[in-house]
Amino acid sequence: MKENNQNEVWKDIKAIWNKQPESATINIQVSQLISEFKDKIRPFERDLITKDIALIKSLTSDFEKESIRKDITLITSSVKKFIDWLKGN
């Protein structure tokens, strides 16, 4: 349920973003930057990043995970309220 709510919020954000006149130019620039970054990163670096993420996930306690979940829920709720306000609901 929470994931569906978060997906709805992100869809709303994306819709609002895409209505902005500058969004197409910014999207192209960001896509180019991501592409350049992917081209410049070596497999060795990619493997290190993947291993670091796995290590961080394995060292995170249940308390920290629950705290992060609560924070994400709070942020999602706040963003949804803001989007509703922008839409005039």
C-alpha atoms as a PDB file:
ATOM      1  CA  MET A   1       0.000   0.000   0.000  1.00  0.00           C
ATOM      2  CA  LYS A   2       2.761   2.430   0.938  1.00  0.00           C
ATOM      3  CA  GLU A   3       4.629   1.642  -2.268  1.00  0.00           C
ATOM      4  CA  ASN A   4       1.519   2.363  -4.364  1.00  0.00           C
ATOM      5  CA  ASN A   5       1.086   5.693  -2.583  1.00  0.00           C
ATOM      6  CA  GLN A   6       4.729   6.569  -3.223  1.00  0.00           C
ATOM      7  CA  ASN A   7       4.364   5.601  -6.886  1.00  0.00           C
ATOM      8  CA  GLU A   8       1.307   7.859  -7.195  1.00  0.00           C
ATOM      9  CA  VAL A   9       3.217  10.760  -5.669  1.00  0.00           C
ATOM     10  CA  TRP A  10       6.138  10.247  -8.054  1.00  0.00           C
ATOM     11  CA  LYS A  11       3.749  10.088 -11.022  1.00  0.00           C
ATOM     12  CA  ASP A  12       2.219  13.388  -9.923  1.00  0.00           C
ATOM     13  CA  ILE A  13       5.647  14.965  -9.550  1.00  0.00           C
ATOM     14  CA  LYS A  14       6.640  13.706 -12.998  1.00  0.00           C
ATOM     15  CA  ALA A  15       3.441  15.060 -14.536  1.00  0.00           C
ATOM     16  CA  ILE A  16       3.991  18.487 -12.964  1.00  0.00           C
ATOM     17  CA  TRP A  17       7.652  18.452 -14.023  1.00  0.00           C
ATOM     18  CA  ASN A  18       6.821  17.541 -17.613  1.00  0.00           C
ATOM     19  CA  LYS A  19       4.366  20.463 -17.883  1.00  0.00           C
ATOM     20  CA  GLN A  20       7.161  22.949 -17.214  1.00  0.00           C
ATOM     21  CA  PRO A  21       8.552  24.668 -20.347  1.00  0.00           C
ATOM     22  CA  GLU A  22      12.180  23.985 -19.391  1.00  0.00           C
ATOM     23  CA  SER A  23      11.687  20.302 -18.575  1.00  0.00           C
ATOM     24  CA  ALA A  24      12.532  18.961 -22.057  1.00  0.00           C
ATOM     25  CA  THR A  25      15.857  20.806 -22.174  1.00  0.00           C
ATOM     26  CA  ILE A  26      16.753  19.782 -18.625  1.00  0.00           C
ATOM     27  CA  ASN A  27      15.758  16.139 -19.274  1.00  0.00           C
ATOM     28  CA  ILE A  28      18.021  16.020 -22.339  1.00  0.00           C
ATOM     29  CA  GLN A  29      20.937  17.551 -20.430  1.00  0.00           C
ATOM     30  CA  VAL A  30      20.520  15.151 -17.495  1.00  0.00           C
ATOM     31  CA  SER A  31      20.280  12.187 -19.872  1.00  0.00           C
ATOM     32  CA  GLN A  32      23.495  13.290 -21.558  1.00  0.00           C
ATOM     33  CA  LEU A  33      25.262  13.649 -18.197  1.00  0.00           C
ATOM     34  CA  ILE A  34      24.137  10.189 -17.102  1.00  0.00           C
ATOM     35  CA  SER A  35      25.277   8.736 -20.398  1.00  0.00           C
ATOM     36  CA  GLU A  36      28.687  10.413 -20.082  1.00  0.00           C
ATOM     37  CA  PHE A  37      29.027   9.168 -16.514  1.00  0.00           C
ATOM     38  CA  LYS A  38      28.211   5.588 -17.546  1.00  0.00           C
ATOM     39  CA  ASP A  39      30.740   5.783 -20.378  1.00  0.00           C
ATOM     40  CA  LYS A  40      33.505   6.995 -18.069  1.00  0.00           C
ATOM     41  CA  ILE A  41      33.004   4.568 -15.199  1.00  0.00           C
ATOM     42  CA  ARG A  42      35.069   1.413 -15.422  1.00  0.00           C
ATOM     43  CA  PRO A  43      33.775  -2.066 -14.587  1.00  0.00           C
ATOM     44  CA  PHE A  44      36.134  -2.116 -11.589  1.00  0.00           C
ATOM     45  CA  GLU A  45      34.529   1.040 -10.189  1.00  0.00           C
ATOM     46  CA  ARG A  46      31.034  -0.271 -10.924  1.00  0.00           C
ATOM     47  CA  ASP A  47      31.843  -3.474  -9.007  1.00  0.00           C
ATOM     48  CA  LEU A  48      33.178  -1.478  -6.058  1.00  0.00           C
ATOM     49  CA  ILE A  49      30.035   0.631  -5.913  1.00  0.00           C
ATOM     50  CA  THR A  50      27.852  -2.484  -6.036  1.00  0.00           C
ATOM     51  CA  LYS A  51      29.875  -4.113  -3.243  1.00  0.00           C
ATOM     52  CA  ASP A  52      29.726  -0.956  -1.122  1.00  0.00           C
ATOM     53  CA  ILE A  53      25.942  -0.787  -1.466  1.00  0.00           C
ATOM     54  CA  ALA A  54      25.628  -4.464  -0.508  1.00  0.00           C
ATOM     55  CA  LEU A  55      27.878  -3.884   2.525  1.00  0.00           C
ATOM     56  CA  ILE A  56      25.857  -0.882   3.658  1.00  0.00           C
ATOM     57  CA  LYS A  57      22.622  -2.862   3.315  1.00  0.00           C
ATOM     58  CA  SER A  58      24.045  -5.767   5.321  1.00  0.00           C
ATOM     59  CA  LEU A  59      25.252  -3.502   8.141  1.00  0.00           C
ATOM     60  CA  THR A  60      21.994  -1.580   8.472  1.00  0.00           C
ATOM     61  CA  SER A  61      20.065  -2.607  11.575  1.00  0.00           C
ATOM     62  CA  ASP A  62      16.322  -3.282  11.643  1.00  0.00           C
ATOM     63  CA  PHE A  63      15.893  -0.147  13.738  1.00  0.00           C
ATOM     64  CA  GLU A  64      17.629   1.954  11.072  1.00  0.00           C
ATOM     65  CA  LYS A  65      15.608   0.328   8.299  1.00  0.00           C
ATOM     66  CA  GLU A  66      12.348   1.049  10.123  1.00  0.00           C
ATOM     67  CA  SER A  67      13.466   4.615  10.770  1.00  0.00           C
ATOM     68  CA  ILE A  68      14.218   5.073   7.071  1.00  0.00           C
ATOM     69  CA  ARG A  69      10.809   3.593   6.147  1.00  0.00           C
ATOM     70  CA  LYS A  70       9.091   6.041   8.508  1.00  0.00           C
ATOM     71  CA  ASP A  71      11.063   8.955   7.060  1.00  0.00           C
ATOM     72  CA  ILE A  72      10.155   7.959   3.504  1.00  0.00           C
ATOM     73  CA  THR A  73       6.505   7.661   4.476  1.00  0.00           C
ATOM     74  CA  LEU A  74       6.580  11.109   6.089  1.00  0.00           C
ATOM     75  CA  ILE A  75       8.307  12.661   3.071  1.00  0.00           C
ATOM     76  CA  THR A  76       5.872  10.977   0.679  1.00  0.00           C
ATOM     77  CA  SER A  77       2.905  12.197   2.687  1.00  0.00           C
ATOM     78  CA  SER A  78       4.267  15.751   2.763  1.00  0.00           C
ATOM     79  CA  VAL A  79       4.979  15.768  -0.968  1.00  0.00           C
ATOM     80  CA  LYS A  80       1.490  14.409  -1.697  1.00  0.00           C
ATOM     81  CA  LYS A  81      -0.085  17.178   0.404  1.00  0.00           C
ATOM     82  CA  PHE A  82       2.007  19.748  -1.443  1.00  0.00           C
ATOM     83  CA  ILE A  83       1.021  18.331  -4.835  1.00  0.00           C
ATOM     84  CA  ASP A  84      -2.636  18.303  -3.810  1.00  0.00           C
ATOM     85  CA  TRP A  85      -2.250  21.924  -2.755  1.00  0.00           C
ATOM     86  CA  LEU A  86      -0.685  22.785  -6.146  1.00  0.00           C
ATOM     87  CA  LYS A  87      -3.577  21.088  -7.915  1.00  0.00           C
ATOM     88  CA  GLY A  88      -6.023  23.070  -5.788  1.00  0.00           C
ATOM     89  CA  ASN A  89      -7.500  20.092  -3.945  1.00  0.00           C
END
